[in-house]
Structure formats: structure tokens, C-alpha cells
Amino acid sequence: MPQGKPEHVPDDGLTTRQRRHRPLVAVHTGPGKGKSTAAFGLATRAWAQGWDIGVFQFVKSAKWRIGEETALRVLGESGEGGSVTWNKMGEGWSWIQRPGTEQDHAADAAEGWAQIKRDLAAETYRLYVLDEFTYPMKWGWVDVEDVLETLRTRPGTQHVVITGRDADQRLLDEADLVTEMTKVKHPMDNGQKGQRGIEW
């Protein structure tokens, strides 16, 4: 894409302006670090354009206070750009199982997805960040075909970015923008745990 120009223009009947303002589905996947960070960077950019933003976190514990949450909440309350709403799905999951049953976590994920569907139908936000949403789909807690149909038929100009490892191939095929984060090297390879300001 030299100078931001597309390599070819599809024969889809859309004007350049219509094509440029199409709502997008983006997926950040892969084993590397930075999937959520990139999505929150996109949210910051959208906030500066005055867009209302809905963040839905699916596996990070509701007790965690990550740096991006604090920053985006402050921005949302500043009155300068768009609003920011931050939603955590129950107690969440991390890489290790938390107290509670799998059924509880599955129910929380299903209710989180139901809320997103309601918000999409109502056009509540201009940008949705569905953080770690690939996992509820992978674990069968949320139906992939339902997600695809909902995204396909969402009204208006609502953009959706989904993060997480092991994204379903059907989601990748449907998405407009897919980025795979590939790990080349990580401090954890040398036994170093995550640190403040870098991981959260």
C-alpha cells in the first residue's frame, strides 16, 4: 500500500467515500505480546475523533486495574473526546483457572456477548474493543456463527476489534483487518515475570 493507496479497487459499486467509511472488523491474534495494547491504542485514536468507545474484557480478572483502563477512563471523563465505557465479564479468566465453575465463567461470557449484541443493535458505540474474545469462542461459550452473523448485520458505522490467541479461522476469513502478533523473543523466555508499566 504505497502512500496509503490501495493496490486495487474492487468492482463493488461503492464510491471511494463509501468504501473509505465502511465499518471494519479487526482481529489481533497470534502468540506474541501486544494484541490488547494495539487495540487500546486504536481506542485512544478513536477517542480523539470523538467516538464513543465500549471496552469488553473477557478473561482478565475484574479485580485487575490495567494501565489502559485507567488512562481511557480519564480520557472518557475529560469531555475532550468521546465517552469510554469499560465492562468486565464477571470475575474473568486468566491463564490459570480462577475459583468458580466453568459453567459460571461460560454464563458470564454468554451474558457479556448478549450485552454486546444489544449495544450493537442500539448503535451504542462507534468502536467496540472485545478484549480476549477469541477464548470464549474457542471454548464454546459463545457461538462463532452467531458472532459472525451479528457482525455481518450490525447497523450503522460501528467498528469492532477482537483480540486474543487462536482466533477461529471463520472469524479471520470474515474480518476486514487481521494482524498476527508473532513472538520473536520475550523476557519470560529467560524466567522474568511480567512487570508494572510493561504488562499492566
C-alpha atoms as a PDB file:
ATOM      1  CA  MET A   1       0.000   0.000   0.000  1.00  0.00           C
ATOM      2  CA  PRO A   2       2.329   2.771  -1.120  1.00  0.00           C
ATOM      3  CA  GLN A   3       1.384   6.205   0.220  1.00  0.00           C
ATOM      4  CA  GLY A   4      -1.808   4.788   1.749  1.00  0.00           C
ATOM      5  CA  LYS A   5      -3.296   3.931  -1.639  1.00  0.00           C
ATOM      6  CA  PRO A   6      -4.942   0.537  -2.200  1.00  0.00           C
ATOM      7  CA  GLU A   7      -3.270  -1.755  -4.704  1.00  0.00           C
ATOM      8  CA  HIS A   8      -6.574  -2.402  -6.473  1.00  0.00           C
ATOM      9  CA  VAL A   9     -10.117  -1.068  -6.283  1.00  0.00           C
ATOM     10  CA  PRO A  10     -12.884  -3.700  -6.196  1.00  0.00           C
ATOM     11  CA  ASP A  11     -15.841  -3.510  -8.538  1.00  0.00           C
ATOM     12  CA  ASP A  12     -18.353  -3.373  -5.679  1.00  0.00           C
ATOM     13  CA  GLY A  13     -20.471  -0.413  -6.778  1.00  0.00           C
ATOM     14  CA  LEU A  14     -19.311   1.754  -3.861  1.00  0.00           C
ATOM     15  CA  THR A  15     -17.905   5.219  -4.236  1.00  0.00           C
ATOM     16  CA  THR A  16     -14.428   5.929  -2.902  1.00  0.00           C
ATOM     17  CA  ARG A  17     -16.006   7.792   0.018  1.00  0.00           C
ATOM     18  CA  GLN A  18     -18.449   4.971   0.817  1.00  0.00           C
ATOM     19  CA  ARG A  19     -15.679   2.386   0.704  1.00  0.00           C
ATOM     20  CA  ARG A  20     -13.428   4.554   2.877  1.00  0.00           C
ATOM     21  CA  HIS A  21     -16.062   4.865   5.615  1.00  0.00           C
ATOM     22  CA  ARG A  22     -17.108   1.206   5.742  1.00  0.00           C
ATOM     23  CA  PRO A  23     -17.286  -0.118   9.308  1.00  0.00           C
ATOM     24  CA  LEU A  24     -14.489  -2.613   9.939  1.00  0.00           C
ATOM     25  CA  VAL A  25     -13.969  -5.790  11.913  1.00  0.00           C
ATOM     26  CA  ALA A  26     -10.340  -6.113  13.023  1.00  0.00           C
ATOM     27  CA  VAL A  27      -8.743  -9.116  14.709  1.00  0.00           C
ATOM     28  CA  HIS A  28      -5.461  -9.040  16.642  1.00  0.00           C
ATOM     29  CA  THR A  29      -4.322 -12.624  17.201  1.00  0.00           C
ATOM     30  CA  GLY A  30      -1.200 -14.771  17.435  1.00  0.00           C
ATOM     31  CA  PRO A  31       1.158 -15.875  20.223  1.00  0.00           C
ATOM     32  CA  GLY A  32       3.046 -12.587  20.522  1.00  0.00           C
ATOM     33  CA  LYS A  33       2.633  -9.763  23.035  1.00  0.00           C
ATOM     34  CA  GLY A  34       0.750  -6.590  22.121  1.00  0.00           C
ATOM     35  CA  LYS A  35      -2.683  -7.655  20.876  1.00  0.00           C
ATOM     36  CA  SER A  36      -4.669  -5.829  23.544  1.00  0.00           C
ATOM     37  CA  THR A  37      -2.171  -2.981  23.670  1.00  0.00           C
ATOM     38  CA  ALA A  38      -2.675  -2.343  19.952  1.00  0.00           C
ATOM     39  CA  ALA A  39      -6.455  -2.410  20.385  1.00  0.00           C
ATOM     40  CA  PHE A  40      -6.294   0.116  23.214  1.00  0.00           C
ATOM     41  CA  GLY A  41      -4.029   2.311  21.102  1.00  0.00           C
ATOM     42  CA  LEU A  42      -6.708   2.209  18.408  1.00  0.00           C
ATOM     43  CA  ALA A  43      -9.296   3.129  21.046  1.00  0.00           C
ATOM     44  CA  THR A  44      -7.210   6.167  22.013  1.00  0.00           C
ATOM     45  CA  ARG A  45      -7.114   7.257  18.383  1.00  0.00           C
ATOM     46  CA  ALA A  46     -10.906   6.761  18.087  1.00  0.00           C
ATOM     47  CA  TRP A  47     -11.473   8.699  21.327  1.00  0.00           C
ATOM     48  CA  ALA A  48      -9.570  11.649  19.835  1.00  0.00           C
ATOM     49  CA  GLN A  49     -12.018  11.612  16.909  1.00  0.00           C
ATOM     50  CA  GLY A  50     -14.912  11.967  19.357  1.00  0.00           C
ATOM     51  CA  TRP A  51     -16.100   8.370  19.004  1.00  0.00           C
ATOM     52  CA  ASP A  52     -17.880   6.651  21.891  1.00  0.00           C
ATOM     53  CA  ILE A  53     -15.983   3.515  22.890  1.00  0.00           C
ATOM     54  CA  GLY A  54     -17.141   0.314  24.567  1.00  0.00           C
ATOM     55  CA  VAL A  55     -14.466  -1.978  26.011  1.00  0.00           C
ATOM     56  CA  PHE A  56     -15.482  -5.517  26.953  1.00  0.00           C
ATOM     57  CA  GLN A  57     -12.839  -7.628  28.700  1.00  0.00           C
ATOM     58  CA  PHE A  58     -13.484 -11.361  28.705  1.00  0.00           C
ATOM     59  CA  VAL A  59     -10.697 -13.115  30.606  1.00  0.00           C
ATOM     60  CA  LYS A  60      -8.801 -10.579  32.646  1.00  0.00           C
ATOM     61  CA  SER A  61      -9.974 -10.621  36.222  1.00  0.00           C
ATOM     62  CA  ALA A  62     -12.447  -7.926  37.219  1.00  0.00           C
ATOM     63  CA  LYS A  63     -10.103  -7.168  40.144  1.00  0.00           C
ATOM     64  CA  TRP A  64      -7.199  -6.166  37.898  1.00  0.00           C
ATOM     65  CA  ARG A  65      -6.654  -2.479  37.157  1.00  0.00           C
ATOM     66  CA  ILE A  66      -4.648  -2.349  33.956  1.00  0.00           C
ATOM     67  CA  GLY A  67      -2.982   0.877  32.894  1.00  0.00           C
ATOM     68  CA  GLU A  68      -5.002   1.267  29.708  1.00  0.00           C
ATOM     69  CA  GLU A  69      -8.246   1.113  31.679  1.00  0.00           C
ATOM     70  CA  THR A  70      -7.152   3.968  33.945  1.00  0.00           C
ATOM     71  CA  ALA A  71      -5.955   6.064  31.002  1.00  0.00           C
ATOM     72  CA  LEU A  72      -9.062   5.518  28.866  1.00  0.00           C
ATOM     73  CA  ARG A  73     -11.409   6.178  31.795  1.00  0.00           C
ATOM     74  CA  VAL A  74      -9.653   9.506  32.458  1.00  0.00           C
ATOM     75  CA  LEU A  75      -9.848  10.400  28.778  1.00  0.00           C
ATOM     76  CA  GLY A  76     -13.524   9.436  28.616  1.00  0.00           C
ATOM     77  CA  GLU A  77     -14.336  11.648  31.600  1.00  0.00           C
ATOM     78  CA  SER A  78     -12.312  14.609  30.313  1.00  0.00           C
ATOM     79  CA  GLY A  79     -15.027  15.904  27.989  1.00  0.00           C
ATOM     80  CA  GLU A  80     -12.435  16.324  25.241  1.00  0.00           C
ATOM     81  CA  GLY A  81     -13.202  13.322  23.003  1.00  0.00           C
ATOM     82  CA  GLY A  82     -15.733  10.504  23.038  1.00  0.00           C
ATOM     83  CA  SER A  83     -17.083   8.637  26.042  1.00  0.00           C
ATOM     84  CA  VAL A  84     -15.480   5.412  27.278  1.00  0.00           C
ATOM     85  CA  THR A  85     -17.385   2.574  28.933  1.00  0.00           C
ATOM     86  CA  TRP A  86     -15.358  -0.300  30.436  1.00  0.00           C
ATOM     87  CA  ASN A  87     -17.045  -3.662  31.044  1.00  0.00           C
ATOM     88  CA  LYS A  88     -15.516  -6.720  32.718  1.00  0.00           C
ATOM     89  CA  MET A  89     -17.264 -10.023  32.240  1.00  0.00           C
ATOM     90  CA  GLY A  90     -17.772 -11.425  35.737  1.00  0.00           C
ATOM     91  CA  GLU A  91     -14.629 -12.422  37.611  1.00  0.00           C
ATOM     92  CA  GLY A  92     -12.947 -13.310  34.359  1.00  0.00           C
ATOM     93  CA  TRP A  93     -10.413 -15.949  33.477  1.00  0.00           C
ATOM     94  CA  SER A  94      -6.694 -15.736  33.105  1.00  0.00           C
ATOM     95  CA  TRP A  95      -4.194 -18.367  32.032  1.00  0.00           C
ATOM     96  CA  ILE A  96      -4.999 -20.283  35.239  1.00  0.00           C
ATOM     97  CA  GLN A  97      -8.454 -21.295  36.388  1.00  0.00           C
ATOM     98  CA  ARG A  98      -9.980 -18.993  38.986  1.00  0.00           C
ATOM     99  CA  PRO A  99     -12.376 -20.044  41.760  1.00  0.00           C
ATOM    100  CA  GLY A 100     -15.828 -20.899  40.492  1.00  0.00           C
ATOM    101  CA  THR A 101     -17.009 -23.389  37.960  1.00  0.00           C
ATOM    102  CA  GLU A 102     -16.541 -23.422  34.222  1.00  0.00           C
ATOM    103  CA  GLN A 103     -20.324 -23.099  33.951  1.00  0.00           C
ATOM    104  CA  ASP A 104     -20.162 -19.793  35.851  1.00  0.00           C
ATOM    105  CA  HIS A 105     -17.487 -18.450  33.514  1.00  0.00           C
ATOM    106  CA  ALA A 106     -19.377 -19.669  30.464  1.00  0.00           C
ATOM    107  CA  ALA A 107     -22.550 -17.947  31.699  1.00  0.00           C
ATOM    108  CA  ASP A 108     -20.638 -14.691  32.312  1.00  0.00           C
ATOM    109  CA  ALA A 109     -19.183 -14.832  28.809  1.00  0.00           C
ATOM    110  CA  ALA A 110     -22.590 -15.556  27.274  1.00  0.00           C
ATOM    111  CA  GLU A 111     -24.140 -12.613  29.123  1.00  0.00           C
ATOM    112  CA  GLY A 112     -21.267 -10.381  28.044  1.00  0.00           C
ATOM    113  CA  TRP A 113     -21.857 -11.350  24.421  1.00  0.00           C
ATOM    114  CA  ALA A 114     -25.611 -10.785  24.836  1.00  0.00           C
ATOM    115  CA  GLN A 115     -24.875  -7.243  26.084  1.00  0.00           C
ATOM    116  CA  ILE A 116     -22.613  -6.572  23.117  1.00  0.00           C
ATOM    117  CA  LYS A 117     -25.388  -7.735  20.776  1.00  0.00           C
ATOM    118  CA  ARG A 118     -27.817  -5.343  22.469  1.00  0.00           C
ATOM    119  CA  ASP A 119     -25.318  -2.486  22.187  1.00  0.00           C
ATOM    120  CA  LEU A 120     -24.630  -3.221  18.527  1.00  0.00           C
ATOM    121  CA  ALA A 121     -28.367  -3.279  17.768  1.00  0.00           C
ATOM    122  CA  ALA A 122     -28.783   0.067  19.574  1.00  0.00           C
ATOM    123  CA  GLU A 123     -25.599   1.524  17.979  1.00  0.00           C
ATOM    124  CA  THR A 124     -24.376   2.454  21.458  1.00  0.00           C
ATOM    125  CA  TYR A 125     -20.701   2.859  20.500  1.00  0.00           C
ATOM    126  CA  ARG A 126     -18.694   3.729  17.412  1.00  0.00           C
ATOM    127  CA  LEU A 127     -15.793   1.442  18.422  1.00  0.00           C
ATOM    128  CA  TYR A 128     -16.026  -1.841  20.343  1.00  0.00           C
ATOM    129  CA  VAL A 129     -12.919  -3.448  21.837  1.00  0.00           C
ATOM    130  CA  LEU A 130     -13.703  -7.103  22.572  1.00  0.00           C
ATOM    131  CA  ASP A 131     -10.579  -7.943  24.535  1.00  0.00           C
ATOM    132  CA  GLU A 132      -9.598 -11.638  24.746  1.00  0.00           C
ATOM    133  CA  PHE A 133     -12.882 -12.528  23.000  1.00  0.00           C
ATOM    134  CA  THR A 134     -11.283 -15.302  20.955  1.00  0.00           C
ATOM    135  CA  TYR A 135     -11.210 -17.510  24.067  1.00  0.00           C
ATOM    136  CA  PRO A 136     -14.968 -17.729  24.789  1.00  0.00           C
ATOM    137  CA  MET A 137     -15.408 -18.661  21.128  1.00  0.00           C
ATOM    138  CA  LYS A 138     -12.611 -21.259  21.296  1.00  0.00           C
ATOM    139  CA  TRP A 139     -14.017 -22.797  24.484  1.00  0.00           C
ATOM    140  CA  GLY A 140     -17.544 -22.997  23.041  1.00  0.00           C
ATOM    141  CA  TRP A 141     -19.022 -20.485  25.487  1.00  0.00           C
ATOM    142  CA  VAL A 142     -20.059 -18.182  22.635  1.00  0.00           C
ATOM    143  CA  ASP A 143     -21.231 -19.500  19.271  1.00  0.00           C
ATOM    144  CA  VAL A 144     -18.886 -18.422  16.464  1.00  0.00           C
ATOM    145  CA  GLU A 145     -21.614 -18.452  13.805  1.00  0.00           C
ATOM    146  CA  ASP A 146     -23.770 -16.183  15.985  1.00  0.00           C
ATOM    147  CA  VAL A 147     -20.832 -13.789  16.326  1.00  0.00           C
ATOM    148  CA  LEU A 148     -20.240 -13.753  12.580  1.00  0.00           C
ATOM    149  CA  GLU A 149     -23.894 -13.172  11.736  1.00  0.00           C
ATOM    150  CA  THR A 150     -24.185 -10.401  14.329  1.00  0.00           C
ATOM    151  CA  LEU A 151     -21.082  -8.655  12.996  1.00  0.00           C
ATOM    152  CA  ARG A 152     -22.254  -9.063   9.386  1.00  0.00           C
ATOM    153  CA  THR A 153     -25.638  -7.478  10.091  1.00  0.00           C
ATOM    154  CA  ARG A 154     -24.675  -4.770  12.595  1.00  0.00           C
ATOM    155  CA  PRO A 155     -26.215  -1.423  11.668  1.00  0.00           C
ATOM    156  CA  GLY A 156     -24.524   1.925  11.136  1.00  0.00           C
ATOM    157  CA  THR A 157     -20.790   2.554  11.166  1.00  0.00           C
ATOM    158  CA  GLN A 158     -19.717   0.540  14.192  1.00  0.00           C
ATOM    159  CA  HIS A 159     -16.124  -0.721  14.189  1.00  0.00           C
ATOM    160  CA  VAL A 160     -15.199  -3.847  16.167  1.00  0.00           C
ATOM    161  CA  VAL A 161     -11.731  -5.027  17.187  1.00  0.00           C
ATOM    162  CA  ILE A 162     -11.331  -8.501  18.691  1.00  0.00           C
ATOM    163  CA  THR A 163      -8.179  -9.663  20.471  1.00  0.00           C
ATOM    164  CA  GLY A 164      -6.826 -12.994  21.668  1.00  0.00           C
ATOM    165  CA  ARG A 165      -4.829 -16.016  20.632  1.00  0.00           C
ATOM    166  CA  ASP A 166      -6.130 -18.860  18.474  1.00  0.00           C
ATOM    167  CA  ALA A 167      -8.767 -16.886  16.587  1.00  0.00           C
ATOM    168  CA  ASP A 168     -11.231 -19.127  14.784  1.00  0.00           C
ATOM    169  CA  GLN A 169     -10.460 -19.360  11.057  1.00  0.00           C
ATOM    170  CA  ARG A 170     -14.050 -18.387  10.230  1.00  0.00           C
ATOM    171  CA  LEU A 171     -13.562 -15.130  12.125  1.00  0.00           C
ATOM    172  CA  LEU A 172     -10.289 -14.459  10.316  1.00  0.00           C
ATOM    173  CA  ASP A 173     -11.996 -15.086   6.968  1.00  0.00           C
ATOM    174  CA  GLU A 174     -14.808 -12.665   7.831  1.00  0.00           C
ATOM    175  CA  ALA A 175     -12.645  -9.878   9.275  1.00  0.00           C
ATOM    176  CA  ASP A 176     -11.563  -6.857   7.252  1.00  0.00           C
ATOM    177  CA  LEU A 177      -8.237  -6.453   9.052  1.00  0.00           C
ATOM    178  CA  VAL A 178      -6.211  -9.259  10.640  1.00  0.00           C
ATOM    179  CA  THR A 179      -2.910  -8.771  12.423  1.00  0.00           C
ATOM    180  CA  GLU A 180      -0.959 -11.696  13.802  1.00  0.00           C
ATOM    181  CA  MET A 181       1.446 -10.877  16.614  1.00  0.00           C
ATOM    182  CA  THR A 182       4.435 -13.225  16.349  1.00  0.00           C
ATOM    183  CA  LYS A 183       6.786 -13.722  19.266  1.00  0.00           C
ATOM    184  CA  VAL A 184      10.440 -13.497  18.326  1.00  0.00           C
ATOM    185  CA  LYS A 185      11.797 -13.061  21.856  1.00  0.00           C
ATOM    186  CA  HIS A 186      10.227 -12.375  25.267  1.00  0.00           C
ATOM    187  CA  PRO A 187      11.715 -11.755  28.749  1.00  0.00           C
ATOM    188  CA  MET A 188       9.645 -14.664  30.087  1.00  0.00           C
ATOM    189  CA  ASP A 189      11.856 -16.935  27.959  1.00  0.00           C
ATOM    190  CA  ASN A 190      14.594 -16.082  30.488  1.00  0.00           C
ATOM    191  CA  GLY A 191      12.394 -16.557  33.555  1.00  0.00           C
ATOM    192  CA  GLN A 192      11.366 -12.918  34.002  1.00  0.00           C
ATOM    193  CA  LYS A 193       7.796 -12.326  35.162  1.00  0.00           C
ATOM    194  CA  GLY A 194       5.585  -9.516  33.859  1.00  0.00           C
ATOM    195  CA  GLN A 195       6.314  -6.067  35.239  1.00  0.00           C
ATOM    196  CA  ARG A 196       4.393  -2.924  36.050  1.00  0.00           C
ATOM    197  CA  GLY A 197       4.272  -0.426  33.201  1.00  0.00           C
ATOM    198  CA  ILE A 198       5.064  -3.098  30.601  1.00  0.00           C
ATOM    199  CA  GLU A 199       2.439  -5.836  31.098  1.00  0.00           C
ATOM    200  CA  TRP A 200      -0.138  -3.776  33.029  1.00  0.00           C
END
